[in-house]
PDB file of N, CA and C in Angstrom:
ATOM      1  N   MET A   1      21.907   2.078  -0.977  1.00  0.00           N
ATOM      2  CA  MET A   1      20.994   2.737  -1.884  1.00  0.00           C
ATOM      3  C   MET A   1      20.445   1.713  -2.869  1.00  0.00           C
ATOM      4  N   ASN A   2      19.165   1.815  -3.132  1.00  0.00           N
ATOM      5  CA  ASN A   2      18.517   0.987  -4.135  1.00  0.00           C
ATOM      6  C   ASN A   2      18.616   1.737  -5.463  1.00  0.00           C
ATOM      7  N   ASP A   3      19.530   1.322  -6.325  1.00  0.00           N
ATOM      8  CA  ASP A   3      19.771   2.029  -7.583  1.00  0.00           C
ATOM      9  C   ASP A   3      19.094   1.292  -8.728  1.00  0.00           C
ATOM     10  N   LEU A   4      17.929   1.804  -9.128  1.00  0.00           N
ATOM     11  CA  LEU A   4      17.180   1.221 -10.235  1.00  0.00           C
ATOM     12  C   LEU A   4      17.549   1.875 -11.559  1.00  0.00           C
ATOM     13  N   SER A   5      18.531   2.768 -11.535  1.00  0.00           N
ATOM     14  CA  SER A   5      18.902   3.524 -12.733  1.00  0.00           C
ATOM     15  C   SER A   5      20.124   2.954 -13.445  1.00  0.00           C
ATOM     16  N   LEU A   6      20.653   1.849 -12.974  1.00  0.00           N
ATOM     17  CA  LEU A   6      21.891   1.318 -13.546  1.00  0.00           C
ATOM     18  C   LEU A   6      21.774   1.165 -15.061  1.00  0.00           C
ATOM     19  N   GLY A   7      22.720   1.743 -15.767  1.00  0.00           N
ATOM     20  CA  GLY A   7      22.725   1.687 -17.218  1.00  0.00           C
ATOM     21  C   GLY A   7      21.902   2.778 -17.876  1.00  0.00           C
ATOM     22  N   CYS A   8      21.011   3.374 -17.142  1.00  0.00           N
ATOM     23  CA  CYS A   8      20.113   4.385 -17.694  1.00  0.00           C
ATOM     24  C   CYS A   8      20.869   5.616 -18.162  1.00  0.00           C
ATOM     25  N   ALA A   9      21.708   6.161 -17.319  1.00  0.00           N
ATOM     26  CA  ALA A   9      22.411   7.403 -17.649  1.00  0.00           C
ATOM     27  C   ALA A   9      23.403   7.209 -18.790  1.00  0.00           C
ATOM     28  N   ASP A  10      23.794   5.971 -19.048  1.00  0.00           N
ATOM     29  CA  ASP A  10      24.753   5.702 -20.110  1.00  0.00           C
ATOM     30  C   ASP A  10      24.090   5.331 -21.429  1.00  0.00           C
ATOM     31  N   SER A  11      22.770   5.216 -21.430  1.00  0.00           N
ATOM     32  CA  SER A  11      22.072   4.802 -22.641  1.00  0.00           C
ATOM     33  C   SER A  11      21.792   6.005 -23.532  1.00  0.00           C
ATOM     34  N   TYR A  12      21.444   5.729 -24.765  1.00  0.00           N
ATOM     35  CA  TYR A  12      21.111   6.805 -25.693  1.00  0.00           C
ATOM     36  C   TYR A  12      19.640   6.702 -26.040  1.00  0.00           C
ATOM     37  N   PRO A  13      18.871   7.743 -26.066  1.00  0.00           N
ATOM     38  CA  PRO A  13      19.321   9.090 -25.732  1.00  0.00           C
ATOM     39  C   PRO A  13      19.664   9.200 -24.251  1.00  0.00           C
ATOM     40  N   VAL A  14      20.469  10.202 -23.929  1.00  0.00           N
ATOM     41  CA  VAL A  14      20.925  10.393 -22.553  1.00  0.00           C
ATOM     42  C   VAL A  14      19.726  10.665 -21.654  1.00  0.00           C
ATOM     43  N   HIS A  15      19.700  10.020 -20.518  1.00  0.00           N
ATOM     44  CA  HIS A  15      18.595  10.149 -19.573  1.00  0.00           C
ATOM     45  C   HIS A  15      19.052  10.849 -18.300  1.00  0.00           C
ATOM     46  N   ASP A  16      18.099  11.525 -17.672  1.00  0.00           N
ATOM     47  CA  ASP A  16      18.340  12.088 -16.346  1.00  0.00           C
ATOM     48  C   ASP A  16      18.076  11.015 -15.305  1.00  0.00           C
ATOM     49  N   VAL A  17      18.631  11.217 -14.131  1.00  0.00           N
ATOM     50  CA  VAL A  17      18.441  10.299 -13.014  1.00  0.00           C
ATOM     51  C   VAL A  17      17.905  11.099 -11.835  1.00  0.00           C
ATOM     52  N   TYR A  18      16.939  10.530 -11.125  1.00  0.00           N
ATOM     53  CA  TYR A  18      16.368  11.148  -9.931  1.00  0.00           C
ATOM     54  C   TYR A  18      16.766  10.326  -8.715  1.00  0.00           C
ATOM     55  N   THR A  19      17.284  10.990  -7.684  1.00  0.00           N
ATOM     56  CA  THR A  19      17.591  10.333  -6.422  1.00  0.00           C
ATOM     57  C   THR A  19      16.639  10.869  -5.365  1.00  0.00           C
ATOM     58  N   PHE A  20      15.852   9.967  -4.802  1.00  0.00           N
ATOM     59  CA  PHE A  20      14.930  10.296  -3.715  1.00  0.00           C
ATOM     60  C   PHE A  20      15.572   9.823  -2.421  1.00  0.00           C
ATOM     61  N   SER A  21      15.648  10.710  -1.422  1.00  0.00           N
ATOM     62  CA  SER A  21      16.319  10.400  -0.156  1.00  0.00           C
ATOM     63  C   SER A  21      15.421  10.732   1.015  1.00  0.00           C
ATOM     64  N   ASP A  22      15.378   9.811   1.985  1.00  0.00           N
ATOM     65  CA  ASP A  22      14.757  10.170   3.259  1.00  0.00           C
ATOM     66  C   ASP A  22      15.906  10.322   4.259  1.00  0.00           C
ATOM     67  N   ASP A  23      15.624  10.302   5.515  1.00  0.00           N
ATOM     68  CA  ASP A  23      16.670  10.511   6.515  1.00  0.00           C
ATOM     69  C   ASP A  23      17.705   9.388   6.544  1.00  0.00           C
ATOM     70  N   ILE A  24      17.341   8.206   6.033  1.00  0.00           N
ATOM     71  CA  ILE A  24      18.209   7.038   6.156  1.00  0.00           C
ATOM     72  C   ILE A  24      18.483   6.352   4.817  1.00  0.00           C
ATOM     73  N   GLU A  25      17.480   6.239   3.965  1.00  0.00           N
ATOM     74  CA  GLU A  25      17.594   5.450   2.743  1.00  0.00           C
ATOM     75  C   GLU A  25      17.478   6.321   1.499  1.00  0.00           C
ATOM     76  N   ARG A  26      17.915   5.731   0.360  1.00  0.00           N
ATOM     77  CA  ARG A  26      17.800   6.416  -0.924  1.00  0.00           C
ATOM     78  C   ARG A  26      17.368   5.423  -1.989  1.00  0.00           C
ATOM     79  N   ILE A  27      16.680   5.947  -2.991  1.00  0.00           N
ATOM     80  CA  ILE A  27      16.344   5.163  -4.170  1.00  0.00           C
ATOM     81  C   ILE A  27      16.631   6.042  -5.378  1.00  0.00           C
ATOM     82  N   ARG A  28      17.182   5.435  -6.396  1.00  0.00           N
ATOM     83  CA  ARG A  28      17.549   6.175  -7.601  1.00  0.00           C
ATOM     84  C   ARG A  28      16.809   5.569  -8.783  1.00  0.00           C
ATOM     85  N   VAL A  29      16.137   6.424  -9.554  1.00  0.00           N
ATOM     86  CA  VAL A  29      15.382   5.951 -10.712  1.00  0.00           C
ATOM     87  C   VAL A  29      15.746   6.777 -11.941  1.00  0.00           C
ATOM     88  N   CYS A  30      15.584   6.164 -13.084  1.00  0.00           N
ATOM     89  CA  CYS A  30      15.797   6.842 -14.353  1.00  0.00           C
ATOM     90  C   CYS A  30      14.586   7.727 -14.659  1.00  0.00           C
ATOM     91  N   ASP A  31      14.779   8.737 -15.490  1.00  0.00           N
ATOM     92  CA  ASP A  31      13.675   9.636 -15.804  1.00  0.00           C
ATOM     93  C   ASP A  31      12.463   8.901 -16.371  1.00  0.00           C
ATOM     94  N   HIS A  32      12.675   7.855 -17.156  1.00  0.00           N
ATOM     95  CA  HIS A  32      11.527   7.153 -17.736  1.00  0.00           C
ATOM     96  C   HIS A  32      10.829   6.217 -16.745  1.00  0.00           C
ATOM     97  N   ASP A  33      11.342   6.120 -15.525  1.00  0.00           N
ATOM     98  CA  ASP A  33      10.650   5.391 -14.452  1.00  0.00           C
ATOM     99  C   ASP A  33       9.736   6.325 -13.668  1.00  0.00           C
ATOM    100  N   PHE A  34       9.900   7.621 -13.849  1.00  0.00           N
ATOM    101  CA  PHE A  34       9.250   8.619 -13.009  1.00  0.00           C
ATOM    102  C   PHE A  34       8.456   9.652 -13.813  1.00  0.00           C
ATOM    103  N   GLU A  35       9.094  10.281 -14.793  1.00  0.00           N
ATOM    104  CA  GLU A  35       8.476  11.394 -15.505  1.00  0.00           C
ATOM    105  C   GLU A  35       7.161  11.058 -16.208  1.00  0.00           C
ATOM    106  N   PRO A  36       7.029   9.914 -16.899  1.00  0.00           N
ATOM    107  CA  PRO A  36       5.750   9.648 -17.563  1.00  0.00           C
ATOM    108  C   PRO A  36       4.559   9.614 -16.604  1.00  0.00           C
ATOM    109  N   ALA A  37       4.779   9.183 -15.367  1.00  0.00           N
ATOM    110  CA  ALA A  37       3.689   9.124 -14.383  1.00  0.00           C
ATOM    111  C   ALA A  37       3.297  10.514 -13.895  1.00  0.00           C
ATOM    112  N   ILE A  38       4.178  11.489 -14.038  1.00  0.00           N
ATOM    113  CA  ILE A  38       3.865  12.874 -13.683  1.00  0.00           C
ATOM    114  C   ILE A  38       3.335  13.614 -14.909  1.00  0.00           C
ATOM    115  N   ASP A  39       3.923  13.364 -16.063  1.00  0.00           N
ATOM    116  CA  ASP A  39       3.574  14.097 -17.281  1.00  0.00           C
ATOM    117  C   ASP A  39       2.145  13.866 -17.759  1.00  0.00           C
ATOM    118  N   VAL A  40       1.515  12.772 -17.373  1.00  0.00           N
ATOM    119  CA  VAL A  40       0.143  12.510 -17.830  1.00  0.00           C
ATOM    120  C   VAL A  40      -0.889  13.413 -17.157  1.00  0.00           C
ATOM    121  N   HIS A  41      -0.513  14.066 -16.085  1.00  0.00           N
ATOM    122  CA  HIS A  41      -1.453  14.925 -15.358  1.00  0.00           C
ATOM    123  C   HIS A  41      -1.579  16.283 -16.041  1.00  0.00           C
ATOM    124  N   GLU A  42      -2.790  16.824 -16.017  1.00  0.00           N
ATOM    125  CA  GLU A  42      -3.086  18.132 -16.609  1.00  0.00           C
ATOM    126  C   GLU A  42      -3.181  19.179 -15.509  1.00  0.00           C
ATOM    127  N   PRO A  43      -2.872  20.430 -15.828  1.00  0.00           N
ATOM    128  CA  PRO A  43      -3.019  21.482 -14.815  1.00  0.00           C
ATOM    129  C   PRO A  43      -4.489  21.762 -14.519  1.00  0.00           C
ATOM    130  N   ALA A  44      -4.744  22.286 -13.336  1.00  0.00           N
ATOM    131  CA  ALA A  44      -6.093  22.745 -12.991  1.00  0.00           C
ATOM    132  C   ALA A  44      -6.395  23.992 -13.824  1.00  0.00           C
ATOM    133  N   LYS A  45      -7.633  24.442 -13.798  1.00  0.00           N
ATOM    134  CA  LYS A  45      -8.011  25.632 -14.572  1.00  0.00           C
ATOM    135  C   LYS A  45      -7.164  26.839 -14.210  1.00  0.00           C
ATOM    136  N   ASP A  46      -6.752  26.916 -12.953  1.00  0.00           N
ATOM    137  CA  ASP A  46      -5.939  28.055 -12.521  1.00  0.00           C
ATOM    138  C   ASP A  46      -4.440  27.741 -12.514  1.00  0.00           C
ATOM    139  N   GLY A  47      -4.034  26.654 -13.145  1.00  0.00           N
ATOM    140  CA  GLY A  47      -2.617  26.334 -13.284  1.00  0.00           C
ATOM    141  C   GLY A  47      -2.170  25.151 -12.445  1.00  0.00           C
ATOM    142  N   TRP A  48      -0.868  24.959 -12.410  1.00  0.00           N
ATOM    143  CA  TRP A  48      -0.271  23.863 -11.653  1.00  0.00           C
ATOM    144  C   TRP A  48      -0.262  24.183 -10.165  1.00  0.00           C
ATOM    145  N   HIS A  49      -0.285  23.133  -9.349  1.00  0.00           N
ATOM    146  CA  HIS A  49      -0.223  23.269  -7.891  1.00  0.00           C
ATOM    147  C   HIS A  49       0.707  22.192  -7.336  1.00  0.00           C
ATOM    148  N   GLY A  50       1.181  22.393  -6.121  1.00  0.00           N
ATOM    149  CA  GLY A  50       1.934  21.378  -5.393  1.00  0.00           C
ATOM    150  C   GLY A  50       3.157  20.877  -6.140  1.00  0.00           C
ATOM    151  N   PHE A  51       3.344  19.569  -6.120  1.00  0.00           N
ATOM    152  CA  PHE A  51       4.521  18.974  -6.743  1.00  0.00           C
ATOM    153  C   PHE A  51       4.586  19.281  -8.233  1.00  0.00           C
ATOM    154  N   CYS A  52       3.450  19.240  -8.915  1.00  0.00           N
ATOM    155  CA  CYS A  52       3.443  19.504 -10.360  1.00  0.00           C
ATOM    156  C   CYS A  52       3.885  20.927 -10.679  1.00  0.00           C
ATOM    157  N   LEU A  53       3.568  21.877  -9.825  1.00  0.00           N
ATOM    158  CA  LEU A  53       4.026  23.256 -10.023  1.00  0.00           C
ATOM    159  C   LEU A  53       5.553  23.295  -9.988  1.00  0.00           C
ATOM    160  N   MET A  54       6.134  22.656  -8.998  1.00  0.00           N
ATOM    161  CA  MET A  54       7.587  22.611  -8.889  1.00  0.00           C
ATOM    162  C   MET A  54       8.188  21.861 -10.077  1.00  0.00           C
ATOM    163  N   TYR A  55       7.605  20.743 -10.426  1.00  0.00           N
ATOM    164  CA  TYR A  55       8.130  19.892 -11.495  1.00  0.00           C
ATOM    165  C   TYR A  55       8.096  20.603 -12.851  1.00  0.00           C
ATOM    166  N   HIS A  56       6.983  21.231 -13.169  1.00  0.00           N
ATOM    167  CA  HIS A  56       6.820  21.837 -14.488  1.00  0.00           C
ATOM    168  C   HIS A  56       7.355  23.266 -14.596  1.00  0.00           C
ATOM    169  N   CYS A  57       7.397  23.997 -13.511  1.00  0.00           N
ATOM    170  CA  CYS A  57       7.656  25.438 -13.606  1.00  0.00           C
ATOM    171  C   CYS A  57       8.893  25.940 -12.881  1.00  0.00           C
ATOM    172  N   ASN A  58       9.565  25.115 -12.121  1.00  0.00           N
ATOM    173  CA  ASN A  58      10.687  25.597 -11.325  1.00  0.00           C
ATOM    174  C   ASN A  58      11.965  24.887 -11.749  1.00  0.00           C
ATOM    175  N   LEU A  59      12.709  25.490 -12.656  1.00  0.00           N
ATOM    176  CA  LEU A  59      13.922  24.856 -13.162  1.00  0.00           C
ATOM    177  C   LEU A  59      15.039  24.801 -12.138  1.00  0.00           C
ATOM    178  N   GLU A  60      14.987  25.652 -11.120  1.00  0.00           N
ATOM    179  CA  GLU A  60      16.061  25.690 -10.123  1.00  0.00           C
ATOM    180  C   GLU A  60      16.219  24.374  -9.373  1.00  0.00           C
ATOM    181  N   TRP A  61      15.157  23.612  -9.216  1.00  0.00           N
ATOM    182  CA  TRP A  61      15.230  22.380  -8.440  1.00  0.00           C
ATOM    183  C   TRP A  61      16.053  21.308  -9.145  1.00  0.00           C
ATOM    184  N   CYS A  62      16.303  21.475 -10.436  1.00  0.00           N
ATOM    185  CA  CYS A  62      17.008  20.439 -11.192  1.00  0.00           C
ATOM    186  C   CYS A  62      18.442  20.215 -10.719  1.00  0.00           C
ATOM    187  N   ASP A  63      19.066  21.220 -10.157  1.00  0.00           N
ATOM    188  CA  ASP A  63      20.463  21.077  -9.755  1.00  0.00           C
ATOM    189  C   ASP A  63      20.669  21.077  -8.253  1.00  0.00           C
ATOM    190  N   THR A  64      19.598  21.158  -7.502  1.00  0.00           N
ATOM    191  CA  THR A  64      19.700  21.151  -6.046  1.00  0.00           C
ATOM    192  C   THR A  64      18.682  20.171  -5.479  1.00  0.00           C
ATOM    193  N   GLU A  65      18.958  19.719  -4.290  1.00  0.00           N
ATOM    194  CA  GLU A  65      18.029  18.815  -3.622  1.00  0.00           C
ATOM    195  C   GLU A  65      16.777  19.596  -3.232  1.00  0.00           C
ATOM    196  N   PHE A  66      15.621  19.030  -3.522  1.00  0.00           N
ATOM    197  CA  PHE A  66      14.349  19.696  -3.290  1.00  0.00           C
ATOM    198  C   PHE A  66      13.526  18.864  -2.313  1.00  0.00           C
ATOM    199  N   LYS A  67      13.081  19.469  -1.225  1.00  0.00           N
ATOM    200  CA  LYS A  67      12.260  18.752  -0.246  1.00  0.00           C
ATOM    201  C   LYS A  67      10.836  18.616  -0.774  1.00  0.00           C
ATOM    202  N   ILE A  68      10.317  17.405  -0.732  1.00  0.00           N
ATOM    203  CA  ILE A  68       8.940  17.157  -1.152  1.00  0.00           C
ATOM    204  C   ILE A  68       8.037  17.540   0.009  1.00  0.00           C
ATOM    205  N   GLU A  69       7.210  18.540  -0.205  1.00  0.00           N
ATOM    206  CA  GLU A  69       6.373  19.087   0.864  1.00  0.00           C
ATOM    207  C   GLU A  69       5.205  18.175   1.224  1.00  0.00           C
ATOM    208  N   ASP A  70       4.635  17.488   0.246  1.00  0.00           N
ATOM    209  CA  ASP A  70       3.427  16.691   0.478  1.00  0.00           C
ATOM    210  C   ASP A  70       3.605  15.300  -0.129  1.00  0.00           C
ATOM    211  N   LEU A  71       4.059  14.353   0.684  1.00  0.00           N
ATOM    212  CA  LEU A  71       4.276  12.984   0.194  1.00  0.00           C
ATOM    213  C   LEU A  71       2.985  12.344  -0.285  1.00  0.00           C
ATOM    214  N   ASP A  72       1.882  12.603   0.426  1.00  0.00           N
ATOM    215  CA  ASP A  72       0.599  12.024   0.007  1.00  0.00           C
ATOM    216  C   ASP A  72       0.257  12.437  -1.420  1.00  0.00           C
ATOM    217  N   GLU A  73       0.452  13.708  -1.714  1.00  0.00           N
ATOM    218  CA  GLU A  73       0.147  14.206  -3.056  1.00  0.00           C
ATOM    219  C   GLU A  73       0.999  13.487  -4.100  1.00  0.00           C
ATOM    220  N   LEU A  74       2.307  13.388  -3.860  1.00  0.00           N
ATOM    221  CA  LEU A  74       3.189  12.741  -4.827  1.00  0.00           C
ATOM    222  C   LEU A  74       2.845  11.265  -4.984  1.00  0.00           C
ATOM    223  N   ILE A  75       2.518  10.592  -3.905  1.00  0.00           N
ATOM    224  CA  ILE A  75       2.141   9.178  -3.981  1.00  0.00           C
ATOM    225  C   ILE A  75       0.912   9.014  -4.867  1.00  0.00           C
ATOM    226  N   VAL A  76      -0.096   9.854  -4.668  1.00  0.00           N
ATOM    227  CA  VAL A  76      -1.319   9.777  -5.488  1.00  0.00           C
ATOM    228  C   VAL A  76      -1.001  10.096  -6.949  1.00  0.00           C
ATOM    229  N   LEU A  77      -0.194  11.133  -7.188  1.00  0.00           N
ATOM    230  CA  LEU A  77       0.188  11.468  -8.563  1.00  0.00           C
ATOM    231  C   LEU A  77       0.859  10.282  -9.250  1.00  0.00           C
ATOM    232  N   LEU A  78       1.783   9.634  -8.550  1.00  0.00           N
ATOM    233  CA  LEU A  78       2.496   8.503  -9.142  1.00  0.00           C
ATOM    234  C   LEU A  78       1.588   7.295  -9.330  1.00  0.00           C
ATOM    235  N   GLU A  79       0.737   7.018  -8.352  1.00  0.00           N
ATOM    236  CA  GLU A  79      -0.163   5.864  -8.477  1.00  0.00           C
ATOM    237  C   GLU A  79      -1.124   6.042  -9.647  1.00  0.00           C
ATOM    238  N   THR A  80      -1.761   7.198  -9.731  1.00  0.00           N
ATOM    239  CA  THR A  80      -2.713   7.419 -10.827  1.00  0.00           C
ATOM    240  C   THR A  80      -1.981   7.568 -12.154  1.00  0.00           C
ATOM    241  N   GLY A  81      -0.835   8.227 -12.138  1.00  0.00           N
ATOM    242  CA  GLY A  81      -0.067   8.398 -13.363  1.00  0.00           C
ATOM    243  C   GLY A  81       0.499   7.098 -13.890  1.00  0.00           C
ATOM    244  N   ALA A  82       0.900   6.201 -13.003  1.00  0.00           N
ATOM    245  CA  ALA A  82       1.451   4.908 -13.428  1.00  0.00           C
ATOM    246  C   ALA A  82       0.411   4.090 -14.185  1.00  0.00           C
ATOM    247  N   GLU A  83      -0.847   4.257 -13.831  1.00  0.00           N
ATOM    248  CA  GLU A  83      -1.918   3.534 -14.526  1.00  0.00           C
ATOM    249  C   GLU A  83      -2.190   4.120 -15.910  1.00  0.00           C
ATOM    250  N   LYS A  84      -1.952   5.422 -16.079  1.00  0.00           N
ATOM    251  CA  LYS A  84      -2.259   6.104 -17.339  1.00  0.00           C
ATOM    252  C   LYS A  84      -1.079   6.156 -18.305  1.00  0.00           C
ATOM    253  N   ALA A  85       0.137   6.085 -17.794  1.00  0.00           N
ATOM    254  CA  ALA A  85       1.330   6.275 -18.632  1.00  0.00           C
ATOM    255  C   ALA A  85       1.464   5.165 -19.668  1.00  0.00           C
ATOM    256  N   GLN A  86       1.914   5.550 -20.849  1.00  0.00           N
ATOM    257  CA  GLN A  86       2.135   4.585 -21.923  1.00  0.00           C
ATOM    258  C   GLN A  86       3.382   3.759 -21.614  1.00  0.00           C
ATOM    259  N   PRO A  87       3.294   2.453 -21.768  1.00  0.00           N
ATOM    260  CA  PRO A  87       4.399   1.584 -21.356  1.00  0.00           C
ATOM    261  C   PRO A  87       5.603   1.564 -22.295  1.00  0.00           C
ATOM    262  N   SER A  88       5.582   2.265 -23.421  1.00  0.00           N
ATOM    263  CA  SER A  88       6.673   2.137 -24.389  1.00  0.00           C
ATOM    264  C   SER A  88       8.045   2.467 -23.787  1.00  0.00           C
ATOM    265  N   TYR A  89       8.150   3.559 -23.039  1.00  0.00           N
ATOM    266  CA  TYR A  89       9.414   3.914 -22.400  1.00  0.00           C
ATOM    267  C   TYR A  89       9.319   3.888 -20.886  1.00  0.00           C
ATOM    268  N   PHE A  90       8.152   3.661 -20.380  1.00  0.00           N
ATOM    269  CA  PHE A  90       7.878   3.768 -18.948  1.00  0.00           C
ATOM    270  C   PHE A  90       8.065   2.421 -18.272  1.00  0.00           C
ATOM    271  N   ASP A  91       8.862   2.387 -17.204  1.00  0.00           N
ATOM    272  CA  ASP A  91       9.054   1.162 -16.434  1.00  0.00           C
ATOM    273  C   ASP A  91       8.159   1.228 -15.203  1.00  0.00           C
ATOM    274  N   ARG A  92       6.986   0.653 -15.316  1.00  0.00           N
ATOM    275  CA  ARG A  92       5.971   0.706 -14.262  1.00  0.00           C
ATOM    276  C   ARG A  92       6.470   0.069 -12.967  1.00  0.00           C
ATOM    277  N   GLU A  93       7.206  -1.017 -13.070  1.00  0.00           N
ATOM    278  CA  GLU A  93       7.692  -1.702 -11.865  1.00  0.00           C
ATOM    279  C   GLU A  93       8.646  -0.816 -11.064  1.00  0.00           C
ATOM    280  N   ASN A  94       9.522  -0.109 -11.742  1.00  0.00           N
ATOM    281  CA  ASN A  94      10.422   0.796 -11.028  1.00  0.00           C
ATOM    282  C   ASN A  94       9.652   1.949 -10.405  1.00  0.00           C
ATOM    283  N   CYS A  95       8.620   2.424 -11.083  1.00  0.00           N
ATOM    284  CA  CYS A  95       7.778   3.472 -10.505  1.00  0.00           C
ATOM    285  C   CYS A  95       7.087   2.953  -9.246  1.00  0.00           C
ATOM    286  N   TYR A  96       6.590   1.733  -9.293  1.00  0.00           N
ATOM    287  CA  TYR A  96       5.957   1.148  -8.105  1.00  0.00           C
ATOM    288  C   TYR A  96       6.967   0.995  -6.965  1.00  0.00           C
ATOM    289  N   SER A  97       8.210   0.670  -7.286  1.00  0.00           N
ATOM    290  CA  SER A  97       9.242   0.594  -6.241  1.00  0.00           C
ATOM    291  C   SER A  97       9.456   1.957  -5.596  1.00  0.00           C
ATOM    292  N   LEU A  98       9.411   3.007  -6.398  1.00  0.00           N
ATOM    293  CA  LEU A  98       9.516   4.364  -5.862  1.00  0.00           C
ATOM    294  C   LEU A  98       8.326   4.674  -4.960  1.00  0.00           C
ATOM    295  N   ILE A  99       7.128   4.283  -5.370  1.00  0.00           N
ATOM    296  CA  ILE A  99       5.928   4.504  -4.556  1.00  0.00           C
ATOM    297  C   ILE A  99       6.058   3.796  -3.215  1.00  0.00           C
ATOM    298  N   VAL A 100       6.541   2.567  -3.219  1.00  0.00           N
ATOM    299  CA  VAL A 100       6.744   1.818  -1.970  1.00  0.00           C
ATOM    300  C   VAL A 100       7.737   2.560  -1.081  1.00  0.00           C
ATOM    301  N   PHE A 101       8.824   3.052  -1.661  1.00  0.00           N
ATOM    302  CA  PHE A 101       9.813   3.827  -0.902  1.00  0.00           C
ATOM    303  C   PHE A 101       9.156   5.040  -0.250  1.00  0.00           C
ATOM    304  N   LEU A 102       8.358   5.783  -1.012  1.00  0.00           N
ATOM    305  CA  LEU A 102       7.699   6.982  -0.485  1.00  0.00           C
ATOM    306  C   LEU A 102       6.709   6.636   0.623  1.00  0.00           C
ATOM    307  N   LYS A 103       5.954   5.563   0.437  1.00  0.00           N
ATOM    308  CA  LYS A 103       4.988   5.145   1.464  1.00  0.00           C
ATOM    309  C   LYS A 103       5.697   4.720   2.747  1.00  0.00           C
ATOM    310  N   GLU A 104       6.804   4.006   2.619  1.00  0.00           N
ATOM    311  CA  GLU A 104       7.557   3.588   3.808  1.00  0.00           C
ATOM    312  C   GLU A 104       8.126   4.797   4.540  1.00  0.00           C
ATOM    313  N   ALA A 105       8.659   5.752   3.797  1.00  0.00           N
ATOM    314  CA  ALA A 105       9.191   6.971   4.422  1.00  0.00           C
ATOM    315  C   ALA A 105       8.082   7.703   5.164  1.00  0.00           C
ATOM    316  N   LYS A 106       6.920   7.801   4.547  1.00  0.00           N
ATOM    317  CA  LYS A 106       5.789   8.477   5.186  1.00  0.00           C
ATOM    318  C   LYS A 106       5.369   7.746   6.452  1.00  0.00           C
ATOM    319  N   SER A 107       5.307   6.420   6.398  1.00  0.00           N
ATOM    320  CA  SER A 107       4.876   5.644   7.566  1.00  0.00           C
ATOM    321  C   SER A 107       5.853   5.782   8.734  1.00  0.00           C
ATOM    322  N   LYS A 108       7.101   6.133   8.428  1.00  0.00           N
ATOM    323  CA  LYS A 108       8.123   6.307   9.468  1.00  0.00           C
ATOM    324  C   LYS A 108       8.356   7.785   9.792  1.00  0.00           C
ATOM    325  N   ASN A 109       7.452   8.646   9.294  1.00  0.00           N
ATOM    326  CA  ASN A 109       7.531  10.099   9.527  1.00  0.00           C
ATOM    327  C   ASN A 109       8.865  10.696   9.085  1.00  0.00           C
ATOM    328  N   ARG A 110       9.378  10.227   7.974  1.00  0.00           N
ATOM    329  CA  ARG A 110      10.623  10.759   7.429  1.00  0.00           C
ATOM    330  C   ARG A 110      10.312  11.751   6.308  1.00  0.00           C
ATOM    331  N   SER A 111      11.084  12.799   6.246  1.00  0.00           N
ATOM    332  CA  SER A 111      10.942  13.721   5.122  1.00  0.00           C
ATOM    333  C   SER A 111      11.714  13.146   3.937  1.00  0.00           C
ATOM    334  N   VAL A 112      11.278  13.506   2.737  1.00  0.00           N
ATOM    335  CA  VAL A 112      11.905  12.998   1.521  1.00  0.00           C
ATOM    336  C   VAL A 112      12.289  14.180   0.638  1.00  0.00           C
ATOM    337  N   SER A 113      13.464  14.085   0.065  1.00  0.00           N
ATOM    338  CA  SER A 113      13.900  15.087  -0.900  1.00  0.00           C
ATOM    339  C   SER A 113      14.250  14.386  -2.211  1.00  0.00           C
ATOM    340  N   VAL A 114      14.290  15.170  -3.279  1.00  0.00           N
ATOM    341  CA  VAL A 114      14.611  14.618  -4.597  1.00  0.00           C
ATOM    342  C   VAL A 114      15.678  15.491  -5.245  1.00  0.00           C
ATOM    343  N   LEU A 115      16.578  14.837  -5.938  1.00  0.00           N
ATOM    344  CA  LEU A 115      17.634  15.515  -6.679  1.00  0.00           C
ATOM    345  C   LEU A 115      17.609  14.984  -8.103  1.00  0.00           C
ATOM    346  N   LYS A 116      17.476  15.887  -9.064  1.00  0.00           N
ATOM    347  CA  LYS A 116      17.531  15.497 -10.477  1.00  0.00           C
ATOM    348  C   LYS A 116      18.954  15.725 -10.953  1.00  0.00           C
ATOM    349  N   GLU A 117      19.558  14.665 -11.470  1.00  0.00           N
ATOM    350  CA  GLU A 117      20.954  14.756 -11.920  1.00  0.00           C
ATOM    351  C   GLU A 117      21.031  14.606 -13.427  1.00  0.00           C
TER     352      GLU A 117
END
């Protein structure tokens, strides 16, 4: 497993950790490597859709593994969000490592799930 979260969960303030898994590999990132790239996006006029709907409105996924239905959507969200996110707490390089992981999984036709711990 590629663990980019080392030290994150033990730092103050306490951080969440996300583990993304495909059929073979895993990558683990701290919340500040991932959340700022999602949080910069605004809902559509009729509300959230796709991954953002699950992320913002479905608390149940926080304690269980959640299958990402549309990798392309998440990749675009992270790529565009990484450019907009403020760098103060955001680790852009770790976010890019996550994007590479997602793209590789997609190229190998692997499904990806995420677990927020």
